[in-house]
Amino acid sequence: QVQLVESGGGLVQPGGSLRLSCAASGSIFSIYDLGWYRQAPGKQRELVASITTGGSTNYADSGKGRFTISRDNAKSTVYLQMNSLKPEDTAVYYCNAVPYYPPRRDYWGQGTQVTVSS
């Protein structure tokens, strides 16, 4: 019952920064565990970062020290701040939401393209 819309993607030079946003509607945002995933051409979708209802965060090794996930429950939005971007970060980034309470179904946004190139 939640709808997710990503924004903030685009073209950025290596070493640059980008902040992705995912706005949710249609449900109570605070009850969802949230995550950012990405999928590069020819590769499987992979976890980038996640944040629980309690604020606990988890990062893939690829983004540790460079990426920061945060949430603003008042705005029903989850963010992914990406710094020191590399060409390898190029992918479609997806927002994911899973309710804390059953049924724990996965909800996905449509994705936003991030391209890191000089």
Protein backbone atom coordinates (compact mmCIF):
# COMPACT_ATOMS: atom_id res chain seq x y z
CA GLN A 1 0.00 0.00 0.00
CA VAL A 2 3.01 2.30 -0.15
CA GLN A 3 4.20 4.05 -3.29
CA LEU A 4 7.84 5.02 -3.71
CA VAL A 5 9.31 7.61 -6.05
CA GLU A 6 13.05 8.14 -6.40
CA SER A 7 14.68 11.36 -7.53
CA GLY A 8 18.06 13.05 -7.56
CA GLY A 9 19.88 10.89 -10.05
CA GLY A 10 21.87 12.27 -12.91
CA LEU A 11 25.32 12.72 -14.38
CA VAL A 12 28.21 13.51 -12.07
CA GLN A 13 31.98 13.54 -12.45
CA PRO A 14 34.20 11.10 -10.58
CA GLY A 15 34.84 12.41 -7.08
CA GLY A 16 31.60 14.34 -7.08
CA SER A 17 28.57 14.03 -4.85
CA LEU A 18 24.91 13.30 -5.33
CA ARG A 19 21.96 12.98 -2.99
CA LEU A 20 19.14 10.64 -3.87
CA SER A 21 15.69 10.98 -2.39
CA CYS A 22 12.83 8.53 -2.13
CA ALA A 23 9.44 9.93 -1.26
CA ALA A 24 6.78 7.58 0.05
CA SER A 25 3.04 7.96 0.08
CA GLY A 26 0.01 5.89 0.92
CA SER A 27 1.08 4.48 4.28
CA ILE A 28 2.69 5.19 7.63
CA PHE A 29 6.32 5.76 6.75
CA SER A 30 7.74 5.16 10.21
CA ILE A 31 6.83 1.46 10.23
CA TYR A 32 9.00 0.61 7.23
CA ASP A 33 12.51 -0.69 7.05
CA LEU A 34 14.14 1.08 4.12
CA GLY A 35 16.94 0.42 1.71
CA TRP A 36 18.75 1.60 -1.36
CA TYR A 37 19.71 -0.93 -4.01
CA ARG A 38 21.42 -0.53 -7.34
CA GLN A 39 21.65 -2.48 -10.55
CA ALA A 40 24.29 -1.97 -13.20
CA PRO A 41 23.91 -3.28 -16.76
CA GLY A 42 24.48 -7.02 -16.88
CA LYS A 43 24.67 -7.34 -13.11
CA GLN A 44 22.29 -8.39 -10.37
CA ARG A 45 20.61 -5.91 -8.09
CA GLU A 46 22.65 -5.35 -4.94
CA LEU A 47 22.14 -3.69 -1.60
CA VAL A 48 23.81 -0.32 -1.17
CA ALA A 49 22.53 0.72 2.25
CA SER A 50 19.64 0.11 4.60
CA ILE A 51 18.07 1.72 7.61
CA THR A 52 15.59 0.16 10.01
CA THR A 53 12.59 1.63 11.77
CA GLY A 54 14.87 2.09 14.77
CA GLY A 55 17.50 3.97 12.79
CA SER A 56 20.07 1.20 12.58
CA THR A 57 22.09 1.44 9.36
CA ASN A 58 23.94 -1.06 7.25
CA TYR A 59 26.23 -0.46 4.28
CA ALA A 60 27.69 -2.61 1.59
CA ASP A 61 31.48 -2.59 1.53
CA SER A 62 31.41 -0.75 -1.78
CA GLY A 63 29.87 2.33 -0.20
CA LYS A 64 31.29 2.35 3.30
CA GLY A 65 32.85 5.68 4.14
CA ARG A 66 31.36 7.31 1.06
CA PHE A 67 27.61 6.79 1.32
CA THR A 68 25.19 7.77 4.06
CA ILE A 69 21.58 6.67 4.36
CA SER A 70 19.14 8.67 6.44
CA ARG A 71 15.41 9.00 6.91
CA ASP A 72 13.02 11.79 7.74
CA ASN A 73 9.79 10.26 8.95
CA ALA A 74 8.07 13.64 9.12
CA LYS A 75 8.67 14.05 5.38
CA SER A 76 8.18 10.36 4.56
CA THR A 77 11.50 10.42 2.75
CA VAL A 78 14.67 8.35 2.79
CA TYR A 79 17.92 9.75 1.44
CA LEU A 80 21.17 8.41 0.13
CA GLN A 81 24.05 10.86 0.24
CA MET A 82 26.80 9.70 -2.08
CA ASN A 83 30.24 11.28 -1.93
CA SER A 84 33.50 10.55 -3.73
CA LEU A 85 31.62 8.87 -6.53
CA LYS A 86 33.37 6.44 -8.81
CA PRO A 87 32.54 5.25 -12.33
CA GLU A 88 31.79 1.86 -10.75
CA ASP A 89 28.87 3.48 -8.94
CA THR A 90 27.05 3.93 -12.24
CA ALA A 91 23.73 2.10 -12.01
CA VAL A 92 20.02 2.47 -11.62
CA TYR A 93 19.31 3.09 -7.95
CA TYR A 94 16.13 1.74 -6.40
CA CYS A 95 14.34 2.54 -3.19
CA ASN A 96 12.99 -0.38 -1.17
CA ALA A 97 10.54 -0.49 1.71
CA VAL A 98 9.45 -3.39 3.90
CA PRO A 99 6.86 -2.97 6.65
CA TYR A 100 7.91 -3.92 10.15
CA TYR A 101 4.57 -5.63 10.66
CA PRO A 102 3.34 -8.61 8.63
CA PRO A 103 2.93 -9.09 5.79
CA ARG A 104 6.53 -8.13 5.13
CA ARG A 105 6.18 -7.54 1.44
CA ASP A 106 8.85 -5.75 -0.54
CA TYR A 107 7.89 -2.48 -2.20
CA TRP A 108 10.06 -0.91 -4.90
CA GLY A 109 10.32 2.40 -6.65
CA GLN A 110 10.87 2.80 -10.38
CA GLY A 111 14.53 3.69 -9.99
CA THR A 112 16.71 6.66 -10.83
CA GLN A 113 19.76 6.60 -13.07
CA VAL A 114 23.13 7.58 -11.66
CA THR A 115 25.97 7.98 -14.11
CA VAL A 116 29.49 8.76 -12.94
CA SER A 117 31.67 9.77 -15.84
CA SER A 118 34.18 12.39 -16.86
